[in-house]
Amino acid sequence: MIKEPLQNAKNAVYNLIKKYMKKQPFFSIEEIIEYSNQRLKSNPNINKIKIEKILKSLIKKKIIILGTKLVKENILDNQIRENIYNYIESNAGTNVNEIMRSQNIGSNQVIWHLNFLEQFQFVRPSKIGNQKAYFKFDIDSHYDEIQFYLRNDKVKKIINLMEKSESSLSPTKISKTLKMNYNTAKKYLEILGELNLLKIFSDDKTKSYSFNHENYNETLEILKRQT
């Protein structure tokens, strides 16, 4: 019985804020408290203090954001922004250039829409090496690097080769087999080793690598559950 009037108060304040924000961006908490209070005076369950608490809660939860005319529930009403979000959802670890190509739009437009998707916590950026990759906001960031590198074509080639090999392989052997630059192959082998997708064997002179089937399969299962 106590929760219902509180929820009704939240809905009433939220609906007024949405109405207000259709006309102009929301910059001042004090101004919108006064705006809401004037229109909800007849409601015995609402006063200025309660309006302020509700408003701050909405801001904290990123349901509304200062300085915009948008609210979280209609952020995907824009078709381009929805397409960008859907692309990131299906392609975790993508970057601005990939999004540009997939949507056939320019970088400024992509960055503009990504800004809103970030602010309202639909997506989040992650710095990996010298690149900025994008993921759904609620995906566990622990697996960002793995998802990012598993999208790389050279990494895919290395994994396909290693998965079929019955013995460990040296960087030189992998480089020659895949016709890949030695330093490039070595870089990705080290990364895959750090991510525990390959096992590393070393002696005084050389390193070799073998596929870590158990960790790889376990990681894929975890990533499937996140999507």
C-alpha atoms as a PDB file:
ATOM      1  CA  MET A   1       0.000   0.000   0.000  1.00  0.00           C
ATOM      2  CA  ILE A   2       2.900   2.381   0.675  1.00  0.00           C
ATOM      3  CA  LYS A   3       4.634   1.599  -2.620  1.00  0.00           C
ATOM      4  CA  GLU A   4       1.658   2.426  -4.838  1.00  0.00           C
ATOM      5  CA  PRO A   5       1.342   6.156  -3.921  1.00  0.00           C
ATOM      6  CA  LEU A   6       5.135   6.493  -4.227  1.00  0.00           C
ATOM      7  CA  GLN A   7       5.126   4.898  -7.688  1.00  0.00           C
ATOM      8  CA  ASN A   8       2.203   7.080  -8.713  1.00  0.00           C
ATOM      9  CA  ALA A   9       4.141  10.145  -7.548  1.00  0.00           C
ATOM     10  CA  LYS A  10       7.204   9.053  -9.536  1.00  0.00           C
ATOM     11  CA  ASN A  11       5.086   8.501 -12.648  1.00  0.00           C
ATOM     12  CA  ALA A  12       3.391  11.875 -12.280  1.00  0.00           C
ATOM     13  CA  VAL A  13       6.704  13.731 -11.889  1.00  0.00           C
ATOM     14  CA  TYR A  14       8.349  11.774 -14.708  1.00  0.00           C
ATOM     15  CA  ASN A  15       5.484  12.425 -17.111  1.00  0.00           C
ATOM     16  CA  LEU A  16       5.641  16.148 -16.357  1.00  0.00           C
ATOM     17  CA  ILE A  17       9.398  16.202 -16.923  1.00  0.00           C
ATOM     18  CA  LYS A  18       8.948  14.470 -20.292  1.00  0.00           C
ATOM     19  CA  LYS A  19       6.350  17.076 -21.248  1.00  0.00           C
ATOM     20  CA  TYR A  20       8.689  19.865 -20.163  1.00  0.00           C
ATOM     21  CA  MET A  21      11.637  18.424 -22.082  1.00  0.00           C
ATOM     22  CA  LYS A  22       9.695  18.204 -25.334  1.00  0.00           C
ATOM     23  CA  LYS A  23       9.717  22.004 -25.375  1.00  0.00           C
ATOM     24  CA  GLN A  24      13.243  22.735 -24.178  1.00  0.00           C
ATOM     25  CA  PRO A  25      16.412  21.110 -22.799  1.00  0.00           C
ATOM     26  CA  PHE A  26      16.516  20.493 -19.068  1.00  0.00           C
ATOM     27  CA  PHE A  27      19.294  22.564 -17.474  1.00  0.00           C
ATOM     28  CA  SER A  28      18.049  23.645 -14.024  1.00  0.00           C
ATOM     29  CA  ILE A  29      16.908  21.280 -11.276  1.00  0.00           C
ATOM     30  CA  GLU A  30      15.350  24.179  -9.368  1.00  0.00           C
ATOM     31  CA  GLU A  31      13.391  25.312 -12.416  1.00  0.00           C
ATOM     32  CA  ILE A  32      11.919  21.906 -13.116  1.00  0.00           C
ATOM     33  CA  ILE A  33      11.078  21.359  -9.432  1.00  0.00           C
ATOM     34  CA  GLU A  34       9.092  24.594  -9.494  1.00  0.00           C
ATOM     35  CA  TYR A  35       7.495  23.638 -12.821  1.00  0.00           C
ATOM     36  CA  SER A  36       6.417  20.245 -11.456  1.00  0.00           C
ATOM     37  CA  ASN A  37       5.299  21.583  -8.091  1.00  0.00           C
ATOM     38  CA  GLN A  38       3.010  24.188  -9.673  1.00  0.00           C
ATOM     39  CA  ARG A  39       1.259  21.529 -11.746  1.00  0.00           C
ATOM     40  CA  LEU A  40       0.997  18.900  -9.000  1.00  0.00           C
ATOM     41  CA  LYS A  41      -0.239  21.065  -6.122  1.00  0.00           C
ATOM     42  CA  SER A  42      -3.536  19.203  -6.017  1.00  0.00           C
ATOM     43  CA  ASN A  43      -1.793  15.851  -5.414  1.00  0.00           C
ATOM     44  CA  PRO A  44      -1.550  15.269  -1.618  1.00  0.00           C
ATOM     45  CA  ASN A  45       1.267  12.725  -2.071  1.00  0.00           C
ATOM     46  CA  ILE A  46       3.632  15.184  -3.744  1.00  0.00           C
ATOM     47  CA  ASN A  47       5.551  18.191  -2.484  1.00  0.00           C
ATOM     48  CA  LYS A  48       8.767  20.003  -3.420  1.00  0.00           C
ATOM     49  CA  ILE A  49      10.964  17.731  -1.307  1.00  0.00           C
ATOM     50  CA  LYS A  50       9.509  14.600  -2.882  1.00  0.00           C
ATOM     51  CA  ILE A  51       9.802  16.067  -6.384  1.00  0.00           C
ATOM     52  CA  GLU A  52      13.473  16.842  -5.763  1.00  0.00           C
ATOM     53  CA  LYS A  53      14.150  13.284  -4.530  1.00  0.00           C
ATOM     54  CA  ILE A  54      12.377  11.771  -7.530  1.00  0.00           C
ATOM     55  CA  LEU A  55      14.187  14.083  -9.942  1.00  0.00           C
ATOM     56  CA  LYS A  56      17.625  13.317  -8.491  1.00  0.00           C
ATOM     57  CA  SER A  57      16.834   9.600  -8.606  1.00  0.00           C
ATOM     58  CA  LEU A  58      15.935   9.848 -12.307  1.00  0.00           C
ATOM     59  CA  ILE A  59      19.176  11.700 -13.003  1.00  0.00           C
ATOM     60  CA  LYS A  60      21.259   9.192 -11.016  1.00  0.00           C
ATOM     61  CA  LYS A  61      19.722   6.286 -12.948  1.00  0.00           C
ATOM     62  CA  LYS A  62      20.444   8.078 -16.255  1.00  0.00           C
ATOM     63  CA  ILE A  63      16.756   8.059 -17.144  1.00  0.00           C
ATOM     64  CA  ILE A  64      16.998  11.780 -17.787  1.00  0.00           C
ATOM     65  CA  ILE A  65      20.123  13.866 -18.347  1.00  0.00           C
ATOM     66  CA  LEU A  66      20.801  17.550 -17.831  1.00  0.00           C
ATOM     67  CA  GLY A  67      21.201  19.587 -20.993  1.00  0.00           C
ATOM     68  CA  THR A  68      19.184  17.362 -23.346  1.00  0.00           C
ATOM     69  CA  LYS A  69      15.594  17.098 -24.575  1.00  0.00           C
ATOM     70  CA  LEU A  70      15.780  13.296 -24.521  1.00  0.00           C
ATOM     71  CA  VAL A  71      14.702  10.719 -21.965  1.00  0.00           C
ATOM     72  CA  LYS A  72      15.918   7.143 -21.818  1.00  0.00           C
ATOM     73  CA  GLU A  73      12.697   5.561 -22.997  1.00  0.00           C
ATOM     74  CA  ASN A  74      12.740   7.399 -26.333  1.00  0.00           C
ATOM     75  CA  ILE A  75      16.485   7.437 -27.024  1.00  0.00           C
ATOM     76  CA  LEU A  76      16.076   4.700 -29.657  1.00  0.00           C
ATOM     77  CA  ASP A  77      13.186   6.411 -31.428  1.00  0.00           C
ATOM     78  CA  ASN A  78      15.754   7.815 -33.851  1.00  0.00           C
ATOM     79  CA  GLN A  79      16.228   5.177 -36.573  1.00  0.00           C
ATOM     80  CA  ILE A  80      19.945   5.813 -37.159  1.00  0.00           C
ATOM     81  CA  ARG A  81      20.669   5.703 -33.426  1.00  0.00           C
ATOM     82  CA  GLU A  82      18.702   2.469 -33.079  1.00  0.00           C
ATOM     83  CA  ASN A  83      20.624   0.941 -36.005  1.00  0.00           C
ATOM     84  CA  ILE A  84      23.947   1.904 -34.405  1.00  0.00           C
ATOM     85  CA  TYR A  85      22.875   0.391 -31.088  1.00  0.00           C
ATOM     86  CA  ASN A  86      21.723  -2.825 -32.784  1.00  0.00           C
ATOM     87  CA  TYR A  87      25.015  -3.062 -34.666  1.00  0.00           C
ATOM     88  CA  ILE A  88      27.034  -2.709 -31.443  1.00  0.00           C
ATOM     89  CA  GLU A  89      24.793  -5.258 -29.755  1.00  0.00           C
ATOM     90  CA  SER A  90      25.539  -7.781 -32.531  1.00  0.00           C
ATOM     91  CA  ASN A  91      29.203  -6.789 -32.971  1.00  0.00           C
ATOM     92  CA  ALA A  92      30.701  -6.305 -29.521  1.00  0.00           C
ATOM     93  CA  GLY A  93      34.080  -4.603 -29.738  1.00  0.00           C
ATOM     94  CA  THR A  94      33.329  -2.667 -32.926  1.00  0.00           C
ATOM     95  CA  ASN A  95      34.798   0.795 -33.535  1.00  0.00           C
ATOM     96  CA  VAL A  96      33.705   4.056 -35.153  1.00  0.00           C
ATOM     97  CA  ASN A  97      35.126   3.151 -38.568  1.00  0.00           C
ATOM     98  CA  GLU A  98      33.244  -0.142 -38.675  1.00  0.00           C
ATOM     99  CA  ILE A  99      30.024   1.557 -37.604  1.00  0.00           C
ATOM    100  CA  MET A 100      30.503   4.191 -40.328  1.00  0.00           C
ATOM    101  CA  ARG A 101      30.888   1.510 -43.002  1.00  0.00           C
ATOM    102  CA  SER A 102      28.008  -0.613 -41.745  1.00  0.00           C
ATOM    103  CA  GLN A 103      25.573   2.325 -41.596  1.00  0.00           C
ATOM    104  CA  ASN A 104      27.004   4.251 -44.560  1.00  0.00           C
ATOM    105  CA  ILE A 105      27.221   7.486 -42.565  1.00  0.00           C
ATOM    106  CA  GLY A 106      30.009   9.910 -41.640  1.00  0.00           C
ATOM    107  CA  SER A 107      32.122   9.966 -38.492  1.00  0.00           C
ATOM    108  CA  ASN A 108      30.521  13.135 -37.071  1.00  0.00           C
ATOM    109  CA  GLN A 109      27.078  11.566 -37.252  1.00  0.00           C
ATOM    110  CA  VAL A 110      28.272   8.318 -35.674  1.00  0.00           C
ATOM    111  CA  ILE A 111      30.010  10.163 -32.833  1.00  0.00           C
ATOM    112  CA  TRP A 112      26.929  12.355 -32.270  1.00  0.00           C
ATOM    113  CA  HIS A 113      24.671   9.320 -31.799  1.00  0.00           C
ATOM    114  CA  LEU A 114      27.260   7.389 -29.787  1.00  0.00           C
ATOM    115  CA  ASN A 115      27.412  10.330 -27.393  1.00  0.00           C
ATOM    116  CA  PHE A 116      23.706   9.946 -26.554  1.00  0.00           C
ATOM    117  CA  LEU A 117      23.939   6.159 -26.351  1.00  0.00           C
ATOM    118  CA  GLU A 118      26.830   6.535 -23.891  1.00  0.00           C
ATOM    119  CA  GLN A 119      25.141   9.218 -21.789  1.00  0.00           C
ATOM    120  CA  PHE A 120      21.991   7.131 -21.358  1.00  0.00           C
ATOM    121  CA  GLN A 121      24.020   3.960 -20.679  1.00  0.00           C
ATOM    122  CA  PHE A 122      23.005   1.947 -23.716  1.00  0.00           C
ATOM    123  CA  VAL A 123      26.639   1.453 -24.773  1.00  0.00           C
ATOM    124  CA  ARG A 124      30.075   2.053 -23.288  1.00  0.00           C
ATOM    125  CA  PRO A 125      33.498   2.635 -24.825  1.00  0.00           C
ATOM    126  CA  SER A 126      36.570   0.639 -23.881  1.00  0.00           C
ATOM    127  CA  LYS A 127      40.173   1.625 -24.700  1.00  0.00           C
ATOM    128  CA  ILE A 128      42.046  -1.388 -26.060  1.00  0.00           C
ATOM    129  CA  GLY A 129      45.553  -0.718 -27.290  1.00  0.00           C
ATOM    130  CA  ASN A 130      45.316   2.457 -29.330  1.00  0.00           C
ATOM    131  CA  GLN A 131      41.685   1.924 -30.291  1.00  0.00           C
ATOM    132  CA  LYS A 132      38.328   2.735 -28.748  1.00  0.00           C
ATOM    133  CA  ALA A 133      35.904  -0.179 -28.954  1.00  0.00           C
ATOM    134  CA  TYR A 134      32.182  -0.136 -28.126  1.00  0.00           C
ATOM    135  CA  PHE A 135      30.098  -2.621 -26.186  1.00  0.00           C
ATOM    136  CA  LYS A 136      26.594  -2.855 -24.769  1.00  0.00           C
ATOM    137  CA  PHE A 137      26.618  -1.095 -21.421  1.00  0.00           C
ATOM    138  CA  ASP A 138      25.617  -4.144 -19.364  1.00  0.00           C
ATOM    139  CA  ILE A 139      28.180  -6.580 -20.813  1.00  0.00           C
ATOM    140  CA  ASP A 140      30.913  -7.623 -18.351  1.00  0.00           C
ATOM    141  CA  SER A 141      33.971  -5.493 -19.179  1.00  0.00           C
ATOM    142  CA  HIS A 142      36.251  -8.351 -18.066  1.00  0.00           C
ATOM    143  CA  TYR A 143      35.830  -9.882 -21.534  1.00  0.00           C
ATOM    144  CA  ASP A 144      36.281  -6.709 -23.600  1.00  0.00           C
ATOM    145  CA  GLU A 145      39.750  -7.553 -24.880  1.00  0.00           C
ATOM    146  CA  ILE A 146      38.779 -11.090 -25.831  1.00  0.00           C
ATOM    147  CA  GLN A 147      35.713  -9.940 -27.780  1.00  0.00           C
ATOM    148  CA  PHE A 148      37.712  -7.194 -29.446  1.00  0.00           C
ATOM    149  CA  TYR A 149      40.526  -9.458 -30.639  1.00  0.00           C
ATOM    150  CA  LEU A 150      38.254 -12.335 -31.674  1.00  0.00           C
ATOM    151  CA  ARG A 151      36.815  -9.949 -34.284  1.00  0.00           C
ATOM    152  CA  ASN A 152      40.252  -9.454 -35.864  1.00  0.00           C
ATOM    153  CA  ASP A 153      40.716 -11.370 -39.156  1.00  0.00           C
ATOM    154  CA  LYS A 154      44.378 -12.170 -38.449  1.00  0.00           C
ATOM    155  CA  VAL A 155      43.495 -13.463 -34.990  1.00  0.00           C
ATOM    156  CA  LYS A 156      40.779 -15.655 -36.554  1.00  0.00           C
ATOM    157  CA  LYS A 157      43.343 -17.153 -38.933  1.00  0.00           C
ATOM    158  CA  ILE A 158      45.754 -17.888 -36.089  1.00  0.00           C
ATOM    159  CA  ILE A 159      43.016 -19.494 -33.991  1.00  0.00           C
ATOM    160  CA  ASN A 160      41.816 -21.644 -36.913  1.00  0.00           C
ATOM    161  CA  LEU A 161      45.354 -22.883 -37.482  1.00  0.00           C
ATOM    162  CA  MET A 162      46.116 -23.487 -33.808  1.00  0.00           C
ATOM    163  CA  GLU A 163      42.813 -25.247 -33.187  1.00  0.00           C
ATOM    164  CA  LYS A 164      43.637 -27.879 -35.824  1.00  0.00           C
ATOM    165  CA  SER A 165      47.268 -28.370 -34.798  1.00  0.00           C
ATOM    166  CA  GLU A 166      48.107 -31.428 -32.693  1.00  0.00           C
ATOM    167  CA  SER A 167      51.382 -29.947 -31.481  1.00  0.00           C
ATOM    168  CA  SER A 168      52.729 -26.588 -30.387  1.00  0.00           C
ATOM    169  CA  LEU A 169      53.853 -24.195 -33.116  1.00  0.00           C
ATOM    170  CA  SER A 170      56.520 -21.517 -33.182  1.00  0.00           C
ATOM    171  CA  PRO A 171      55.832 -17.938 -34.324  1.00  0.00           C
ATOM    172  CA  THR A 172      58.052 -18.576 -37.365  1.00  0.00           C
ATOM    173  CA  LYS A 173      56.040 -21.665 -38.361  1.00  0.00           C
ATOM    174  CA  ILE A 174      52.734 -19.829 -37.890  1.00  0.00           C
ATOM    175  CA  SER A 175      53.976 -16.804 -39.830  1.00  0.00           C
ATOM    176  CA  LYS A 176      55.102 -18.933 -42.795  1.00  0.00           C
ATOM    177  CA  THR A 177      52.010 -21.136 -42.821  1.00  0.00           C
ATOM    178  CA  LEU A 178      49.623 -18.183 -42.788  1.00  0.00           C
ATOM    179  CA  LYS A 179      51.833 -15.985 -45.007  1.00  0.00           C
ATOM    180  CA  MET A 180      51.609 -13.371 -42.281  1.00  0.00           C
ATOM    181  CA  ASN A 181      54.266 -10.854 -41.287  1.00  0.00           C
ATOM    182  CA  TYR A 182      56.366 -12.385 -38.497  1.00  0.00           C
ATOM    183  CA  ASN A 183      56.044  -9.400 -36.131  1.00  0.00           C
ATOM    184  CA  THR A 184      52.280  -9.272 -36.688  1.00  0.00           C
ATOM    185  CA  ALA A 185      51.917 -12.982 -35.944  1.00  0.00           C
ATOM    186  CA  LYS A 186      54.156 -12.687 -32.879  1.00  0.00           C
ATOM    187  CA  LYS A 187      52.122  -9.724 -31.554  1.00  0.00           C
ATOM    188  CA  TYR A 188      48.817 -11.560 -31.780  1.00  0.00           C
ATOM    189  CA  LEU A 189      50.271 -14.770 -30.389  1.00  0.00           C
ATOM    190  CA  GLU A 190      51.456 -12.871 -27.322  1.00  0.00           C
ATOM    191  CA  ILE A 191      48.038 -11.267 -26.917  1.00  0.00           C
ATOM    192  CA  LEU A 192      46.239 -14.616 -27.229  1.00  0.00           C
ATOM    193  CA  GLY A 193      48.679 -16.064 -24.699  1.00  0.00           C
ATOM    194  CA  GLU A 194      47.947 -13.242 -22.251  1.00  0.00           C
ATOM    195  CA  LEU A 195      44.224 -13.899 -22.721  1.00  0.00           C
ATOM    196  CA  ASN A 196      44.801 -17.590 -21.903  1.00  0.00           C
ATOM    197  CA  LEU A 197      43.440 -18.711 -25.263  1.00  0.00           C
ATOM    198  CA  LEU A 198      46.847 -20.195 -26.123  1.00  0.00           C
ATOM    199  CA  LYS A 199      49.296 -22.104 -23.969  1.00  0.00           C
ATOM    200  CA  ILE A 200      52.878 -20.837 -24.064  1.00  0.00           C
ATOM    201  CA  PHE A 201      55.944 -23.071 -23.997  1.00  0.00           C
ATOM    202  CA  SER A 202      59.414 -21.577 -23.842  1.00  0.00           C
ATOM    203  CA  ASP A 203      63.031 -22.576 -23.526  1.00  0.00           C
ATOM    204  CA  ASP A 204      66.213 -20.507 -23.601  1.00  0.00           C
ATOM    205  CA  LYS A 205      65.957 -19.837 -27.313  1.00  0.00           C
ATOM    206  CA  THR A 206      62.370 -20.041 -28.577  1.00  0.00           C
ATOM    207  CA  LYS A 207      58.703 -19.844 -27.693  1.00  0.00           C
ATOM    208  CA  SER A 208      55.980 -22.055 -29.048  1.00  0.00           C
ATOM    209  CA  TYR A 209      52.219 -22.015 -28.667  1.00  0.00           C
ATOM    210  CA  SER A 210      49.399 -24.534 -28.512  1.00  0.00           C
ATOM    211  CA  PHE A 211      45.660 -24.062 -28.460  1.00  0.00           C
ATOM    212  CA  ASN A 212      43.954 -23.886 -25.066  1.00  0.00           C
ATOM    213  CA  HIS A 213      40.773 -25.715 -26.024  1.00  0.00           C
ATOM    214  CA  GLU A 214      39.287 -25.728 -22.531  1.00  0.00           C
ATOM    215  CA  ASN A 215      39.654 -21.982 -21.899  1.00  0.00           C
ATOM    216  CA  TYR A 216      38.600 -21.075 -25.432  1.00  0.00           C
ATOM    217  CA  ASN A 217      35.390 -23.122 -25.308  1.00  0.00           C
ATOM    218  CA  GLU A 218      34.595 -21.901 -21.807  1.00  0.00           C
ATOM    219  CA  THR A 219      35.094 -18.287 -22.918  1.00  0.00           C
ATOM    220  CA  LEU A 220      32.782 -18.745 -25.923  1.00  0.00           C
ATOM    221  CA  GLU A 221      30.079 -20.134 -23.641  1.00  0.00           C
ATOM    222  CA  ILE A 222      30.384 -17.143 -21.304  1.00  0.00           C
ATOM    223  CA  LEU A 223      30.200 -14.708 -24.227  1.00  0.00           C
ATOM    224  CA  LYS A 224      27.094 -16.445 -25.595  1.00  0.00           C
ATOM    225  CA  ARG A 225      25.355 -16.016 -22.251  1.00  0.00           C
ATOM    226  CA  GLN A 226      26.082 -12.270 -22.311  1.00  0.00           C
ATOM    227  CA  THR A 227      24.353 -11.699 -25.645  1.00  0.00           C
END
